[in-house]
Amino acid sequence: MSKTTLADPRKGFDWQIVDASEHRLGRLAVAIAETLMGKRKPEYTPHLLCGDGVIVINAAKVQTTGMKHERRKYTFYSGYVGGLKEIPLGELRDQNPVKLITLAVRRMLPKNRLGREMLRRLKVYEGPEHPHRAQNPKPLVVVQPRWQPGN
């Protein structure tokens, strides 16, 4: 009979760092969400907070492919009549790149208390500087596609 292994949330977590200027938005968000959830660890437990924290630098330089910067729209609703706002991806990246990456990751996390707790471990910075040197972050591995558009 095999024994089920569960993660120990009291053990703590590590920090990982990633440079957004080297990656595309979608693949970057998937790698961050997997790390925050703990899916990249052998002791992954879905109902426990067992993932690592992630630091994202150079958020303003994140890449997209094709015409997404013009055609993809992000909608926000204030709750009032006529309060629907649409912002193209390119404009949102120029105005608030931190919000762009946070939204992409948040929508990939569980929609419950645990997902909100995971999102608190995500730190996004517009430029190359961050105040988390003391945490000794390790580099985050983002899988690149084997097939590249245009080949």
C-alpha atoms as a PDB file:
ATOM      1  CA  MET A   1       0.000   0.000   0.000  1.00  0.00           C
ATOM      2  CA  SER A   2       1.430   3.386  -0.952  1.00  0.00           C
ATOM      3  CA  LYS A   3       1.431   6.409   1.301  1.00  0.00           C
ATOM      4  CA  THR A   4       0.164   9.779   0.087  1.00  0.00           C
ATOM      5  CA  THR A   5       2.669  12.578   0.546  1.00  0.00           C
ATOM      6  CA  LEU A   6       1.374  16.010   1.499  1.00  0.00           C
ATOM      7  CA  ALA A   7       3.299  19.254   1.430  1.00  0.00           C
ATOM      8  CA  ASP A   8       4.094  20.888   4.753  1.00  0.00           C
ATOM      9  CA  PRO A   9       3.008  24.565   4.548  1.00  0.00           C
ATOM     10  CA  ARG A  10       4.966  25.367   7.734  1.00  0.00           C
ATOM     11  CA  LYS A  11       8.224  24.578   5.926  1.00  0.00           C
ATOM     12  CA  GLY A  12       8.312  27.993   4.273  1.00  0.00           C
ATOM     13  CA  PHE A  13       8.904  28.927   0.669  1.00  0.00           C
ATOM     14  CA  ASP A  14      11.681  30.108  -1.623  1.00  0.00           C
ATOM     15  CA  TRP A  15      11.767  33.090  -3.968  1.00  0.00           C
ATOM     16  CA  GLN A  16      12.324  32.900  -7.708  1.00  0.00           C
ATOM     17  CA  ILE A  17      13.075  35.785 -10.065  1.00  0.00           C
ATOM     18  CA  VAL A  18      12.300  36.209 -13.767  1.00  0.00           C
ATOM     19  CA  ASP A  19      13.117  38.937 -16.294  1.00  0.00           C
ATOM     20  CA  ALA A  20       9.924  39.687 -18.264  1.00  0.00           C
ATOM     21  CA  SER A  21      11.804  41.320 -21.156  1.00  0.00           C
ATOM     22  CA  GLU A  22      13.069  37.905 -22.295  1.00  0.00           C
ATOM     23  CA  HIS A  23       9.654  36.188 -22.484  1.00  0.00           C
ATOM     24  CA  ARG A  24       6.194  36.408 -24.028  1.00  0.00           C
ATOM     25  CA  LEU A  25       3.289  37.364 -21.789  1.00  0.00           C
ATOM     26  CA  GLY A  26       1.301  34.111 -21.931  1.00  0.00           C
ATOM     27  CA  ARG A  27       4.191  31.704 -21.379  1.00  0.00           C
ATOM     28  CA  LEU A  28       5.535  33.914 -18.618  1.00  0.00           C
ATOM     29  CA  ALA A  29       2.144  33.979 -16.861  1.00  0.00           C
ATOM     30  CA  VAL A  30       1.826  30.167 -17.064  1.00  0.00           C
ATOM     31  CA  ALA A  31       5.280  29.642 -15.532  1.00  0.00           C
ATOM     32  CA  ILE A  32       4.541  32.146 -12.745  1.00  0.00           C
ATOM     33  CA  ALA A  33       1.126  30.623 -11.974  1.00  0.00           C
ATOM     34  CA  GLU A  34       2.577  27.087 -11.834  1.00  0.00           C
ATOM     35  CA  THR A  35       5.300  28.259  -9.459  1.00  0.00           C
ATOM     36  CA  LEU A  36       2.884  30.137  -7.194  1.00  0.00           C
ATOM     37  CA  MET A  37       0.590  27.084  -6.989  1.00  0.00           C
ATOM     38  CA  GLY A  38       3.499  24.709  -6.355  1.00  0.00           C
ATOM     39  CA  LYS A  39       2.828  22.516  -9.389  1.00  0.00           C
ATOM     40  CA  ARG A  40       6.540  22.424 -10.167  1.00  0.00           C
ATOM     41  CA  LYS A  41       7.322  20.694  -6.856  1.00  0.00           C
ATOM     42  CA  PRO A  42       7.110  16.932  -6.271  1.00  0.00           C
ATOM     43  CA  GLU A  43       5.055  17.407  -3.079  1.00  0.00           C
ATOM     44  CA  TYR A  44       2.312  19.485  -4.790  1.00  0.00           C
ATOM     45  CA  THR A  45      -0.927  19.494  -2.820  1.00  0.00           C
ATOM     46  CA  PRO A  46      -3.868  21.327  -4.447  1.00  0.00           C
ATOM     47  CA  HIS A  47      -5.569  22.457  -1.239  1.00  0.00           C
ATOM     48  CA  LEU A  48      -2.431  23.809   0.493  1.00  0.00           C
ATOM     49  CA  LEU A  49      -0.316  26.898  -0.017  1.00  0.00           C
ATOM     50  CA  CYS A  50       2.913  25.147  -1.006  1.00  0.00           C
ATOM     51  CA  GLY A  51       4.251  27.228  -3.923  1.00  0.00           C
ATOM     52  CA  ASP A  52       7.176  29.639  -4.082  1.00  0.00           C
ATOM     53  CA  GLY A  53       7.155  33.411  -4.298  1.00  0.00           C
ATOM     54  CA  VAL A  54       7.954  35.049  -7.646  1.00  0.00           C
ATOM     55  CA  ILE A  55       9.652  38.377  -8.395  1.00  0.00           C
ATOM     56  CA  VAL A  56       9.144  39.794 -11.906  1.00  0.00           C
ATOM     57  CA  ILE A  57      11.457  42.547 -13.150  1.00  0.00           C
ATOM     58  CA  ASN A  58      11.305  44.610 -16.378  1.00  0.00           C
ATOM     59  CA  ALA A  59       7.536  44.227 -16.632  1.00  0.00           C
ATOM     60  CA  ALA A  60       7.349  47.193 -19.011  1.00  0.00           C
ATOM     61  CA  LYS A  61       9.299  45.224 -21.648  1.00  0.00           C
ATOM     62  CA  VAL A  62       7.144  42.074 -21.766  1.00  0.00           C
ATOM     63  CA  GLN A  63       6.624  40.768 -25.317  1.00  0.00           C
ATOM     64  CA  THR A  64       3.499  39.813 -27.244  1.00  0.00           C
ATOM     65  CA  THR A  65       3.124  38.316 -30.711  1.00  0.00           C
ATOM     66  CA  GLY A  66       1.133  39.400 -33.724  1.00  0.00           C
ATOM     67  CA  MET A  67      -1.343  42.260 -33.406  1.00  0.00           C
ATOM     68  CA  LYS A  68      -2.346  41.503 -29.806  1.00  0.00           C
ATOM     69  CA  HIS A  69      -1.156  44.918 -28.624  1.00  0.00           C
ATOM     70  CA  GLU A  70      -3.920  46.486 -30.746  1.00  0.00           C
ATOM     71  CA  ARG A  71      -6.660  43.847 -30.913  1.00  0.00           C
ATOM     72  CA  ARG A  72      -6.732  42.310 -27.426  1.00  0.00           C
ATOM     73  CA  LYS A  73      -8.882  44.401 -25.097  1.00  0.00           C
ATOM     74  CA  TYR A  74      -9.033  44.295 -21.302  1.00  0.00           C
ATOM     75  CA  THR A  75     -12.426  45.271 -19.889  1.00  0.00           C
ATOM     76  CA  PHE A  76     -13.073  46.791 -16.482  1.00  0.00           C
ATOM     77  CA  TYR A  77     -16.506  47.474 -15.025  1.00  0.00           C
ATOM     78  CA  SER A  78     -17.053  49.991 -12.225  1.00  0.00           C
ATOM     79  CA  GLY A  79     -20.459  48.633 -11.207  1.00  0.00           C
ATOM     80  CA  TYR A  80     -22.311  51.743 -12.332  1.00  0.00           C
ATOM     81  CA  VAL A  81     -24.442  52.227 -15.439  1.00  0.00           C
ATOM     82  CA  GLY A  82     -22.146  53.114 -18.338  1.00  0.00           C
ATOM     83  CA  GLY A  83     -19.080  52.178 -16.281  1.00  0.00           C
ATOM     84  CA  LEU A  84     -17.601  49.682 -18.749  1.00  0.00           C
ATOM     85  CA  LYS A  85     -14.063  50.581 -19.883  1.00  0.00           C
ATOM     86  CA  GLU A  86     -11.985  48.866 -22.548  1.00  0.00           C
ATOM     87  CA  ILE A  87      -8.216  49.267 -22.810  1.00  0.00           C
ATOM     88  CA  PRO A  88      -6.070  47.665 -25.549  1.00  0.00           C
ATOM     89  CA  LEU A  89      -3.171  45.513 -24.349  1.00  0.00           C
ATOM     90  CA  GLY A  90      -0.546  47.893 -25.745  1.00  0.00           C
ATOM     91  CA  GLU A  91      -2.059  50.884 -23.970  1.00  0.00           C
ATOM     92  CA  LEU A  92      -2.321  48.961 -20.665  1.00  0.00           C
ATOM     93  CA  ARG A  93       1.340  47.915 -21.011  1.00  0.00           C
ATOM     94  CA  ASP A  94       2.337  51.558 -21.481  1.00  0.00           C
ATOM     95  CA  GLN A  95       0.169  52.853 -18.605  1.00  0.00           C
ATOM     96  CA  ASN A  96       0.534  50.103 -16.011  1.00  0.00           C
ATOM     97  CA  PRO A  97       2.689  47.064 -16.928  1.00  0.00           C
ATOM     98  CA  VAL A  98       2.510  45.762 -13.349  1.00  0.00           C
ATOM     99  CA  LYS A  99      -1.277  45.443 -13.666  1.00  0.00           C
ATOM    100  CA  LEU A 100      -0.939  43.653 -17.026  1.00  0.00           C
ATOM    101  CA  ILE A 101       1.225  40.849 -15.637  1.00  0.00           C
ATOM    102  CA  THR A 102      -0.761  40.641 -12.398  1.00  0.00           C
ATOM    103  CA  LEU A 103      -4.042  40.250 -14.336  1.00  0.00           C
ATOM    104  CA  ALA A 104      -2.575  37.565 -16.608  1.00  0.00           C
ATOM    105  CA  VAL A 105      -1.358  35.540 -13.620  1.00  0.00           C
ATOM    106  CA  ARG A 106      -4.428  36.142 -11.432  1.00  0.00           C
ATOM    107  CA  ARG A 107      -6.732  34.718 -14.087  1.00  0.00           C
ATOM    108  CA  MET A 108      -4.700  31.457 -14.096  1.00  0.00           C
ATOM    109  CA  LEU A 109      -4.853  30.929 -10.325  1.00  0.00           C
ATOM    110  CA  PRO A 110      -7.719  29.305  -8.390  1.00  0.00           C
ATOM    111  CA  LYS A 111     -10.688  31.616  -7.838  1.00  0.00           C
ATOM    112  CA  ASN A 112     -10.853  31.295  -4.048  1.00  0.00           C
ATOM    113  CA  ARG A 113      -9.093  32.354  -0.824  1.00  0.00           C
ATOM    114  CA  LEU A 114      -6.102  30.194  -1.634  1.00  0.00           C
ATOM    115  CA  GLY A 115      -5.662  31.887  -5.023  1.00  0.00           C
ATOM    116  CA  ARG A 116      -5.722  35.327  -3.384  1.00  0.00           C
ATOM    117  CA  GLU A 117      -3.091  34.173  -0.909  1.00  0.00           C
ATOM    118  CA  MET A 118      -0.926  32.866  -3.769  1.00  0.00           C
ATOM    119  CA  LEU A 119      -1.201  36.204  -5.564  1.00  0.00           C
ATOM    120  CA  ARG A 120       0.225  37.968  -2.498  1.00  0.00           C
ATOM    121  CA  ARG A 121       3.490  36.120  -3.152  1.00  0.00           C
ATOM    122  CA  LEU A 122       3.815  37.741  -6.592  1.00  0.00           C
ATOM    123  CA  LYS A 123       5.941  40.896  -6.712  1.00  0.00           C
ATOM    124  CA  VAL A 124       6.066  42.735 -10.057  1.00  0.00           C
ATOM    125  CA  TYR A 125       8.386  45.678 -10.821  1.00  0.00           C
ATOM    126  CA  GLU A 126       8.428  47.896 -13.887  1.00  0.00           C
ATOM    127  CA  GLY A 127      12.214  48.252 -14.100  1.00  0.00           C
ATOM    128  CA  PRO A 128      15.260  46.095 -13.341  1.00  0.00           C
ATOM    129  CA  GLU A 129      15.515  47.092  -9.642  1.00  0.00           C
ATOM    130  CA  HIS A 130      13.762  45.261  -6.787  1.00  0.00           C
ATOM    131  CA  PRO A 131      14.088  45.386  -2.977  1.00  0.00           C
ATOM    132  CA  HIS A 132      14.249  41.587  -2.454  1.00  0.00           C
ATOM    133  CA  ARG A 133      18.002  40.954  -2.594  1.00  0.00           C
ATOM    134  CA  ALA A 134      17.993  39.517   0.945  1.00  0.00           C
ATOM    135  CA  GLN A 135      15.694  36.654  -0.128  1.00  0.00           C
ATOM    136  CA  ASN A 136      18.390  35.316  -2.519  1.00  0.00           C
ATOM    137  CA  PRO A 137      15.973  34.586  -5.394  1.00  0.00           C
ATOM    138  CA  LYS A 138      16.810  31.786  -7.805  1.00  0.00           C
ATOM    139  CA  PRO A 139      16.101  32.162 -11.552  1.00  0.00           C
ATOM    140  CA  LEU A 140      12.708  30.905 -12.731  1.00  0.00           C
ATOM    141  CA  VAL A 141      12.744  28.562 -15.739  1.00  0.00           C
ATOM    142  CA  VAL A 142      10.224  29.499 -18.440  1.00  0.00           C
ATOM    143  CA  VAL A 143       9.750  26.834 -21.113  1.00  0.00           C
ATOM    144  CA  GLN A 144      10.233  28.186 -24.622  1.00  0.00           C
ATOM    145  CA  PRO A 145       8.233  26.710 -27.510  1.00  0.00           C
ATOM    146  CA  ARG A 146      10.033  24.402 -29.920  1.00  0.00           C
ATOM    147  CA  TRP A 147       8.138  25.936 -32.816  1.00  0.00           C
ATOM    148  CA  GLN A 148       8.560  29.663 -33.359  1.00  0.00           C
ATOM    149  CA  PRO A 149       6.069  31.703 -35.422  1.00  0.00           C
ATOM    150  CA  GLY A 150       7.563  32.625 -38.804  1.00  0.00           C
ATOM    151  CA  ASN A 151       9.618  29.425 -39.199  1.00  0.00           C
END
